[in-house]
Amino acid sequence: MTHKDEGHYAGKHGDHAQLNQTIIDAIRKHSVGGKVSCTSAFRIVEELKIKPSDVGQSLDLLEMKIEKCQLGLFGHEQGKRLIVKPAETVPPDLERALRAGLSNGRLPCATAWRIAKRFDLPKMSITSACEKLNLRISQCQLGTF
């Protein structure tokens, strides 16, 4: 969802979407100021053994924002789209992995996380490499983009 959708996140799920009280309780436990960080959302995923999209949908239905994307794409500093800068260089093996992970010309969030783990890199380093290579990240696991 984009900034223009703020306050209308639930609309993308239609009238059939329902809230789960267990997820709501976990969200309330992990929220700060009516927002939930990406890290906290994934803590909920781990605690409840559910899909990230279930947490994302619940946050949307509650009209709550997700902040501090672990890839650095949003929610860190007011007015900035992302907080990472392009990498100075990208090792050839990392570039090959990133390009091999593309789906419809973009790198899915989950793939970015797997590549970060495989190369033992912070997730934001993957975003930095993508910025250098002009690759875009898509398909947020929580459904924000």
C-alpha atoms as a PDB file:
ATOM      1  CA  MET A   1       0.000   0.000   0.000  1.00  0.00           C
ATOM      2  CA  THR A   2       1.214   3.451  -0.766  1.00  0.00           C
ATOM      3  CA  HIS A   3       1.161   6.602   1.320  1.00  0.00           C
ATOM      4  CA  LYS A   4      -2.025   7.699  -0.435  1.00  0.00           C
ATOM      5  CA  ASP A   5      -3.710   4.521   0.881  1.00  0.00           C
ATOM      6  CA  GLU A   6      -2.982   5.444   4.507  1.00  0.00           C
ATOM      7  CA  GLY A   7      -6.063   4.874   6.620  1.00  0.00           C
ATOM      8  CA  HIS A   8      -7.603   2.629   3.957  1.00  0.00           C
ATOM      9  CA  TYR A   9      -5.370  -0.453   4.160  1.00  0.00           C
ATOM     10  CA  ALA A  10      -8.273  -2.799   4.946  1.00  0.00           C
ATOM     11  CA  GLY A  11      -9.892  -2.034   1.602  1.00  0.00           C
ATOM     12  CA  LYS A  12      -7.469  -4.212  -0.317  1.00  0.00           C
ATOM     13  CA  HIS A  13      -8.766  -7.330   1.463  1.00  0.00           C
ATOM     14  CA  GLY A  14     -12.466  -6.988   0.698  1.00  0.00           C
ATOM     15  CA  ASP A  15     -15.445  -7.579   2.962  1.00  0.00           C
ATOM     16  CA  HIS A  16     -14.680 -11.262   3.511  1.00  0.00           C
ATOM     17  CA  ALA A  17     -11.461 -10.710   5.485  1.00  0.00           C
ATOM     18  CA  GLN A  18     -11.706 -11.460   9.191  1.00  0.00           C
ATOM     19  CA  LEU A  19      -9.564 -10.662  12.181  1.00  0.00           C
ATOM     20  CA  ASN A  20      -8.082 -13.386  14.362  1.00  0.00           C
ATOM     21  CA  GLN A  21      -8.077 -12.520  18.076  1.00  0.00           C
ATOM     22  CA  THR A  22      -4.797 -14.338  18.736  1.00  0.00           C
ATOM     23  CA  ILE A  23      -3.051 -12.278  16.061  1.00  0.00           C
ATOM     24  CA  ILE A  24      -4.707  -9.082  17.325  1.00  0.00           C
ATOM     25  CA  ASP A  25      -3.452  -9.768  20.852  1.00  0.00           C
ATOM     26  CA  ALA A  26       0.091 -10.357  19.575  1.00  0.00           C
ATOM     27  CA  ILE A  27      -0.031  -7.187  17.493  1.00  0.00           C
ATOM     28  CA  ARG A  28      -1.160  -5.149  20.485  1.00  0.00           C
ATOM     29  CA  LYS A  29       1.653  -6.669  22.571  1.00  0.00           C
ATOM     30  CA  HIS A  30       4.263  -5.690  19.955  1.00  0.00           C
ATOM     31  CA  SER A  31       2.901  -2.322  18.811  1.00  0.00           C
ATOM     32  CA  VAL A  32       4.397   1.004  19.785  1.00  0.00           C
ATOM     33  CA  GLY A  33       2.443   4.178  19.143  1.00  0.00           C
ATOM     34  CA  GLY A  34      -0.064   2.357  16.956  1.00  0.00           C
ATOM     35  CA  LYS A  35       2.670   0.987  14.673  1.00  0.00           C
ATOM     36  CA  VAL A  36       4.477  -2.325  14.388  1.00  0.00           C
ATOM     37  CA  SER A  37       8.028  -2.637  13.141  1.00  0.00           C
ATOM     38  CA  CYS A  38       8.866  -5.200  10.490  1.00  0.00           C
ATOM     39  CA  THR A  39      11.057  -6.975  13.057  1.00  0.00           C
ATOM     40  CA  SER A  40       8.172  -7.158  15.533  1.00  0.00           C
ATOM     41  CA  ALA A  41       5.808  -8.401  12.822  1.00  0.00           C
ATOM     42  CA  PHE A  42       8.204 -11.266  12.138  1.00  0.00           C
ATOM     43  CA  ARG A  43       8.444 -11.983  15.882  1.00  0.00           C
ATOM     44  CA  ILE A  44       4.675 -12.483  15.770  1.00  0.00           C
ATOM     45  CA  VAL A  45       5.101 -14.789  12.766  1.00  0.00           C
ATOM     46  CA  GLU A  46       7.617 -16.879  14.748  1.00  0.00           C
ATOM     47  CA  GLU A  47       5.631 -16.865  18.004  1.00  0.00           C
ATOM     48  CA  LEU A  48       2.350 -17.885  16.408  1.00  0.00           C
ATOM     49  CA  LYS A  49       3.840 -20.059  13.624  1.00  0.00           C
ATOM     50  CA  ILE A  50       1.821 -18.261  10.959  1.00  0.00           C
ATOM     51  CA  LYS A  51       2.534 -16.736   7.561  1.00  0.00           C
ATOM     52  CA  PRO A  52       3.863 -13.190   7.309  1.00  0.00           C
ATOM     53  CA  SER A  53       0.894 -12.327   5.094  1.00  0.00           C
ATOM     54  CA  ASP A  54      -1.467 -13.232   7.963  1.00  0.00           C
ATOM     55  CA  VAL A  55       0.184 -10.617  10.176  1.00  0.00           C
ATOM     56  CA  GLY A  56       0.244  -8.092   7.332  1.00  0.00           C
ATOM     57  CA  GLN A  57      -3.446  -8.617   6.595  1.00  0.00           C
ATOM     58  CA  SER A  58      -4.326  -8.236  10.278  1.00  0.00           C
ATOM     59  CA  LEU A  59      -2.343  -5.009  10.482  1.00  0.00           C
ATOM     60  CA  ASP A  60      -4.171  -3.750   7.386  1.00  0.00           C
ATOM     61  CA  LEU A  61      -7.564  -4.651   8.845  1.00  0.00           C
ATOM     62  CA  LEU A  62      -6.632  -2.789  12.035  1.00  0.00           C
ATOM     63  CA  GLU A  63      -5.419   0.143   9.858  1.00  0.00           C
ATOM     64  CA  MET A  64      -2.025  -0.038  11.566  1.00  0.00           C
ATOM     65  CA  LYS A  65       1.220   0.950   9.874  1.00  0.00           C
ATOM     66  CA  ILE A  66       4.259  -1.250   9.516  1.00  0.00           C
ATOM     67  CA  GLU A  67       7.492   0.659  10.027  1.00  0.00           C
ATOM     68  CA  LYS A  68      11.238   0.114   9.909  1.00  0.00           C
ATOM     69  CA  CYS A  69      11.412  -2.336   7.020  1.00  0.00           C
ATOM     70  CA  GLN A  70      14.308  -4.718   7.604  1.00  0.00           C
ATOM     71  CA  LEU A  71      15.448  -4.080   4.037  1.00  0.00           C
ATOM     72  CA  GLY A  72      15.470  -0.337   4.758  1.00  0.00           C
ATOM     73  CA  LEU A  73      12.797   0.446   2.187  1.00  0.00           C
ATOM     74  CA  PHE A  74      10.377   2.456   4.346  1.00  0.00           C
ATOM     75  CA  GLY A  75       9.429   3.650   7.787  1.00  0.00           C
ATOM     76  CA  HIS A  76      12.798   4.750   9.125  1.00  0.00           C
ATOM     77  CA  GLU A  77      13.153   8.478   8.572  1.00  0.00           C
ATOM     78  CA  GLN A  78      10.423  10.982   7.891  1.00  0.00           C
ATOM     79  CA  GLY A  79      10.186  11.831   4.206  1.00  0.00           C
ATOM     80  CA  LYS A  80      12.738   9.286   2.949  1.00  0.00           C
ATOM     81  CA  ARG A  81      11.722   6.404   0.715  1.00  0.00           C
ATOM     82  CA  LEU A  82      14.628   4.282   1.865  1.00  0.00           C
ATOM     83  CA  ILE A  83      17.593   4.736   4.155  1.00  0.00           C
ATOM     84  CA  VAL A  84      20.248   2.755   2.339  1.00  0.00           C
ATOM     85  CA  LYS A  85      22.693   4.108  -0.194  1.00  0.00           C
ATOM     86  CA  PRO A  86      23.961   2.239  -3.259  1.00  0.00           C
ATOM     87  CA  ALA A  87      26.885  -0.052  -2.548  1.00  0.00           C
ATOM     88  CA  GLU A  88      30.302   1.066  -3.782  1.00  0.00           C
ATOM     89  CA  THR A  89      30.745  -2.321  -5.460  1.00  0.00           C
ATOM     90  CA  VAL A  90      28.857  -5.611  -5.641  1.00  0.00           C
ATOM     91  CA  PRO A  91      30.858  -8.852  -5.677  1.00  0.00           C
ATOM     92  CA  PRO A  92      30.193 -10.875  -8.842  1.00  0.00           C
ATOM     93  CA  ASP A  93      28.832 -13.889  -6.921  1.00  0.00           C
ATOM     94  CA  LEU A  94      26.326 -11.688  -5.081  1.00  0.00           C
ATOM     95  CA  GLU A  95      25.294  -9.985  -8.323  1.00  0.00           C
ATOM     96  CA  ARG A  96      24.716 -13.396  -9.947  1.00  0.00           C
ATOM     97  CA  ALA A  97      22.584 -14.504  -6.990  1.00  0.00           C
ATOM     98  CA  LEU A  98      20.532 -11.307  -7.067  1.00  0.00           C
ATOM     99  CA  ARG A  99      19.930 -11.502 -10.807  1.00  0.00           C
ATOM    100  CA  ALA A 100      19.094 -15.221 -10.571  1.00  0.00           C
ATOM    101  CA  GLY A 101      16.527 -14.398  -7.893  1.00  0.00           C
ATOM    102  CA  LEU A 102      14.580 -11.931 -10.023  1.00  0.00           C
ATOM    103  CA  SER A 103      10.940 -12.608 -10.720  1.00  0.00           C
ATOM    104  CA  ASN A 104       9.334 -10.463 -13.413  1.00  0.00           C
ATOM    105  CA  GLY A 105      12.393  -8.219 -13.307  1.00  0.00           C
ATOM    106  CA  ARG A 106      12.234  -7.594  -9.541  1.00  0.00           C
ATOM    107  CA  LEU A 107      13.699  -9.272  -6.468  1.00  0.00           C
ATOM    108  CA  PRO A 108      11.022 -10.633  -4.117  1.00  0.00           C
ATOM    109  CA  CYS A 109      11.501  -9.653  -0.477  1.00  0.00           C
ATOM    110  CA  ALA A 110      11.686 -13.295   0.670  1.00  0.00           C
ATOM    111  CA  THR A 111      14.398 -13.984  -1.919  1.00  0.00           C
ATOM    112  CA  ALA A 112      16.352 -10.946  -0.714  1.00  0.00           C
ATOM    113  CA  TRP A 113      16.216 -12.345   2.828  1.00  0.00           C
ATOM    114  CA  ARG A 114      17.393 -15.795   1.655  1.00  0.00           C
ATOM    115  CA  ILE A 115      20.291 -14.265  -0.262  1.00  0.00           C
ATOM    116  CA  ALA A 116      21.278 -12.197   2.787  1.00  0.00           C
ATOM    117  CA  LYS A 117      21.329 -15.363   4.879  1.00  0.00           C
ATOM    118  CA  ARG A 118      23.227 -17.342   2.248  1.00  0.00           C
ATOM    119  CA  PHE A 119      25.938 -14.664   1.987  1.00  0.00           C
ATOM    120  CA  ASP A 120      25.861 -13.927   5.740  1.00  0.00           C
ATOM    121  CA  LEU A 121      25.056 -10.260   5.078  1.00  0.00           C
ATOM    122  CA  PRO A 122      22.740  -7.806   6.805  1.00  0.00           C
ATOM    123  CA  LYS A 123      19.452  -7.500   4.919  1.00  0.00           C
ATOM    124  CA  MET A 124      20.086  -3.827   4.194  1.00  0.00           C
ATOM    125  CA  SER A 125      23.319  -4.800   2.417  1.00  0.00           C
ATOM    126  CA  ILE A 126      21.166  -6.641  -0.109  1.00  0.00           C
ATOM    127  CA  THR A 127      19.128  -3.482  -0.666  1.00  0.00           C
ATOM    128  CA  SER A 128      22.340  -1.496  -1.036  1.00  0.00           C
ATOM    129  CA  ALA A 129      23.582  -3.944  -3.677  1.00  0.00           C
ATOM    130  CA  CYS A 130      20.212  -3.761  -5.446  1.00  0.00           C
ATOM    131  CA  GLU A 131      20.425   0.033  -5.501  1.00  0.00           C
ATOM    132  CA  LYS A 132      23.880  -0.176  -7.097  1.00  0.00           C
ATOM    133  CA  LEU A 133      22.584  -2.623  -9.725  1.00  0.00           C
ATOM    134  CA  ASN A 134      19.309  -0.711 -10.328  1.00  0.00           C
ATOM    135  CA  LEU A 135      17.261  -3.704  -9.190  1.00  0.00           C
ATOM    136  CA  ARG A 136      13.965  -3.189  -7.417  1.00  0.00           C
ATOM    137  CA  ILE A 137      12.642  -5.239  -4.516  1.00  0.00           C
ATOM    138  CA  SER A 138       9.012  -6.328  -4.622  1.00  0.00           C
ATOM    139  CA  GLN A 139       6.466  -8.630  -3.028  1.00  0.00           C
ATOM    140  CA  CYS A 140       6.837  -7.632   0.635  1.00  0.00           C
ATOM    141  CA  GLN A 141       6.214 -10.692   2.766  1.00  0.00           C
ATOM    142  CA  LEU A 142       3.847  -8.617   4.933  1.00  0.00           C
ATOM    143  CA  GLY A 143       2.040  -7.212   1.899  1.00  0.00           C
ATOM    144  CA  THR A 144       3.056  -3.564   2.173  1.00  0.00           C
ATOM    145  CA  PHE A 145       4.286  -3.431  -1.431  1.00  0.00           C
END
